[in-house]
N, C-alpha and C. Protein backbone atom coordinates (compact mmCIF):
# COMPACT_ATOMS: atom_id res chain seq x y z
N MET A 1 -9.05 299.87 -22.44
CA MET A 1 -8.06 299.78 -21.41
C MET A 1 -6.67 299.31 -22.02
N THR A 2 -5.64 299.99 -21.75
CA THR A 2 -4.35 299.67 -22.31
C THR A 2 -3.45 299.31 -21.14
N ILE A 3 -2.71 298.24 -21.27
CA ILE A 3 -1.76 297.83 -20.19
C ILE A 3 -0.50 298.61 -20.47
N GLU A 4 -0.08 299.38 -19.55
CA GLU A 4 1.21 300.14 -19.69
C GLU A 4 2.39 299.40 -19.06
N ARG A 5 2.18 298.70 -18.04
CA ARG A 5 3.32 297.97 -17.37
C ARG A 5 2.77 296.84 -16.54
N THR A 6 3.44 295.74 -16.58
CA THR A 6 3.12 294.58 -15.73
C THR A 6 4.00 294.51 -14.56
N LEU A 7 3.45 294.43 -13.32
CA LEU A 7 4.13 294.39 -12.03
C LEU A 7 4.03 293.03 -11.46
N GLU A 8 4.74 292.86 -10.31
CA GLU A 8 4.71 291.59 -9.60
C GLU A 8 3.35 291.45 -8.85
N GLY A 9 3.01 290.19 -8.54
CA GLY A 9 1.82 289.98 -7.71
C GLY A 9 0.52 290.23 -8.34
N ASN A 10 0.34 289.87 -9.63
CA ASN A 10 -0.91 290.08 -10.41
C ASN A 10 -1.32 291.53 -10.41
N ALA A 11 -0.41 292.47 -10.52
CA ALA A 11 -0.68 293.92 -10.64
C ALA A 11 -0.23 294.45 -11.95
N GLN A 12 -0.88 295.51 -12.43
CA GLN A 12 -0.51 296.16 -13.70
C GLN A 12 -0.86 297.63 -13.55
N ILE A 13 -0.10 298.44 -14.30
CA ILE A 13 -0.42 299.83 -14.50
C ILE A 13 -1.15 299.88 -15.79
N VAL A 14 -2.41 300.44 -15.78
CA VAL A 14 -3.21 300.49 -16.94
C VAL A 14 -3.70 301.89 -17.28
N ARG A 15 -4.01 302.18 -18.50
CA ARG A 15 -4.60 303.47 -18.88
C ARG A 15 -6.00 303.18 -19.36
N ILE A 16 -6.94 304.00 -18.87
CA ILE A 16 -8.32 303.89 -19.29
C ILE A 16 -8.70 305.16 -20.07
N GLY A 17 -9.13 305.01 -21.19
CA GLY A 17 -9.47 306.17 -22.09
C GLY A 17 -8.47 306.22 -23.19
N GLY A 18 -8.66 307.12 -24.05
CA GLY A 18 -7.80 307.27 -25.17
C GLY A 18 -6.89 308.51 -25.06
N GLY A 19 -5.89 308.51 -25.83
CA GLY A 19 -4.94 309.63 -25.90
C GLY A 19 -3.84 309.53 -24.90
N ARG A 20 -2.98 310.49 -25.01
CA ARG A 20 -1.73 310.48 -24.15
C ARG A 20 -2.06 310.79 -22.68
N HIS A 21 -3.10 311.59 -22.47
CA HIS A 21 -3.42 312.04 -21.12
C HIS A 21 -4.54 311.18 -20.45
N ALA A 22 -4.65 309.96 -20.82
CA ALA A 22 -5.59 309.02 -20.25
C ALA A 22 -5.23 308.79 -18.79
N THR A 23 -6.24 308.56 -17.95
CA THR A 23 -6.01 308.32 -16.55
C THR A 23 -5.35 306.99 -16.32
N ARG A 24 -4.32 307.00 -15.46
CA ARG A 24 -3.58 305.81 -15.15
C ARG A 24 -4.07 305.17 -13.79
N TYR A 25 -4.15 303.90 -13.79
CA TYR A 25 -4.56 303.18 -12.57
C TYR A 25 -3.69 302.05 -12.29
N LEU A 26 -3.67 301.65 -10.99
CA LEU A 26 -3.02 300.35 -10.58
C LEU A 26 -4.14 299.32 -10.53
N ALA A 27 -4.01 298.34 -11.31
CA ALA A 27 -5.06 297.28 -11.42
C ALA A 27 -4.46 296.10 -10.73
N SER A 28 -5.16 295.60 -9.67
CA SER A 28 -4.73 294.35 -9.02
C SER A 28 -5.77 293.27 -9.12
N ARG A 29 -5.40 292.08 -9.34
CA ARG A 29 -6.32 290.98 -9.55
C ARG A 29 -6.17 289.89 -8.49
N ARG A 30 -7.26 289.39 -8.04
CA ARG A 30 -7.28 288.29 -7.05
C ARG A 30 -8.30 287.28 -7.44
N GLY A 31 -7.91 286.04 -7.22
CA GLY A 31 -8.89 284.96 -7.50
C GLY A 31 -9.94 284.89 -6.40
N VAL A 32 -11.15 284.68 -6.79
CA VAL A 32 -12.32 284.58 -5.88
C VAL A 32 -13.07 283.33 -6.10
N GLY A 33 -13.05 282.42 -5.23
CA GLY A 33 -13.89 281.21 -5.30
C GLY A 33 -13.40 280.16 -6.27
N GLU A 34 -14.20 279.23 -6.41
CA GLU A 34 -13.91 278.09 -7.17
C GLU A 34 -14.27 278.21 -8.70
N PRO A 35 -15.24 278.97 -9.09
CA PRO A 35 -15.58 278.98 -10.50
C PRO A 35 -14.72 279.82 -11.37
N ASP A 36 -13.47 280.01 -10.88
CA ASP A 36 -12.49 280.82 -11.70
C ASP A 36 -12.86 282.27 -11.92
N TRP A 37 -13.43 282.85 -10.93
CA TRP A 37 -13.72 284.32 -10.94
C TRP A 37 -12.58 285.06 -10.47
N HIS A 38 -12.48 286.38 -10.91
CA HIS A 38 -11.41 287.26 -10.48
C HIS A 38 -12.03 288.56 -10.06
N LEU A 39 -11.47 289.12 -9.03
CA LEU A 39 -11.85 290.50 -8.52
C LEU A 39 -10.70 291.45 -8.90
N ILE A 40 -11.04 292.42 -9.76
CA ILE A 40 -10.11 293.39 -10.18
C ILE A 40 -10.41 294.78 -9.58
N THR A 41 -9.39 295.34 -8.85
CA THR A 41 -9.64 296.63 -8.21
C THR A 41 -8.68 297.62 -8.91
N LEU A 42 -9.17 298.83 -9.06
CA LEU A 42 -8.40 299.91 -9.71
C LEU A 42 -8.17 301.04 -8.70
N SER A 43 -6.95 301.45 -8.56
CA SER A 43 -6.60 302.60 -7.68
C SER A 43 -5.87 303.64 -8.55
N SER A 44 -6.23 304.85 -8.32
CA SER A 44 -5.63 305.89 -9.09
C SER A 44 -4.18 306.02 -8.82
N VAL A 45 -3.29 306.27 -9.82
CA VAL A 45 -1.88 306.44 -9.65
C VAL A 45 -1.52 307.95 -9.47
N HIS A 46 -2.46 308.82 -9.68
CA HIS A 46 -2.23 310.25 -9.59
C HIS A 46 -1.57 310.72 -8.27
N PRO A 47 -2.05 310.24 -7.11
CA PRO A 47 -1.39 310.69 -5.88
C PRO A 47 0.11 310.31 -5.75
N VAL A 48 0.47 309.11 -6.27
CA VAL A 48 1.86 308.74 -6.25
C VAL A 48 2.65 309.48 -7.22
N ASP A 49 2.15 309.77 -8.43
CA ASP A 49 2.82 310.75 -9.37
C ASP A 49 3.07 312.08 -8.78
N ALA A 50 2.09 312.61 -8.14
CA ALA A 50 2.25 313.99 -7.52
C ALA A 50 3.23 313.97 -6.39
N ASP A 51 3.24 312.91 -5.56
CA ASP A 51 4.28 312.85 -4.48
C ASP A 51 5.62 312.68 -4.99
N SER A 52 5.82 311.87 -6.06
CA SER A 52 7.15 311.72 -6.57
C SER A 52 7.66 313.01 -7.29
N ARG A 53 6.76 313.74 -7.92
CA ARG A 53 7.17 314.97 -8.60
C ARG A 53 7.56 316.02 -7.53
N ASN A 54 6.76 316.08 -6.45
CA ASN A 54 7.05 317.06 -5.38
C ASN A 54 8.35 316.74 -4.67
N THR A 55 8.63 315.49 -4.43
CA THR A 55 9.92 315.04 -3.85
C THR A 55 11.09 315.39 -4.68
N THR A 56 10.91 315.19 -5.99
CA THR A 56 11.97 315.49 -6.92
C THR A 56 12.33 316.99 -6.89
N ILE A 57 11.29 317.82 -6.86
CA ILE A 57 11.44 319.32 -6.78
C ILE A 57 12.19 319.72 -5.52
N VAL A 58 11.78 319.14 -4.34
CA VAL A 58 12.40 319.48 -3.07
C VAL A 58 13.90 319.04 -3.03
N VAL A 59 14.14 317.85 -3.56
CA VAL A 59 15.51 317.33 -3.57
C VAL A 59 16.39 318.24 -4.50
N ALA A 60 15.83 318.57 -5.63
CA ALA A 60 16.63 319.48 -6.56
C ALA A 60 16.90 320.81 -5.91
N PHE A 61 15.97 321.41 -5.21
CA PHE A 61 16.24 322.71 -4.54
C PHE A 61 17.23 322.51 -3.44
N GLY A 62 17.16 321.46 -2.69
CA GLY A 62 18.17 321.15 -1.66
C GLY A 62 19.56 321.01 -2.23
N TYR A 63 19.65 320.28 -3.34
CA TYR A 63 20.94 320.07 -4.01
C TYR A 63 21.52 321.41 -4.46
N VAL A 64 20.71 322.17 -5.10
CA VAL A 64 21.16 323.52 -5.66
C VAL A 64 21.63 324.37 -4.52
N SER A 65 20.90 324.37 -3.38
CA SER A 65 21.26 325.15 -2.19
C SER A 65 22.58 324.71 -1.63
N LEU A 66 22.81 323.39 -1.56
CA LEU A 66 24.06 322.95 -1.07
C LEU A 66 25.22 323.25 -1.92
N MET A 67 25.03 323.24 -3.26
CA MET A 67 26.09 323.58 -4.22
C MET A 67 26.36 325.04 -4.14
N LEU A 68 25.37 325.90 -3.89
CA LEU A 68 25.61 327.38 -3.77
C LEU A 68 26.41 327.62 -2.45
N LEU A 69 26.10 326.93 -1.42
CA LEU A 69 26.79 327.14 -0.17
C LEU A 69 28.25 326.64 -0.22
N ALA A 70 28.48 325.60 -1.06
CA ALA A 70 29.79 325.04 -1.17
C ALA A 70 30.77 325.99 -1.88
N PHE A 71 30.25 326.86 -2.70
CA PHE A 71 31.11 327.76 -3.47
C PHE A 71 31.12 329.05 -2.84
């Protein structure tokens, strides 16, 4: 597990596996109980990456369309 980025609120973006195409996860940690235990949950970052990529494509097409209409 490689820590890619540290976020606020005991959260991190981590890569599990080797290589450049290793799966990325959001790891969040919470304290549980008195004996200093921690619960770590992993959530895939893939849906967020896909949504941001799709939004970028739609905005780019919209911008190009407006520029073509302006001329």
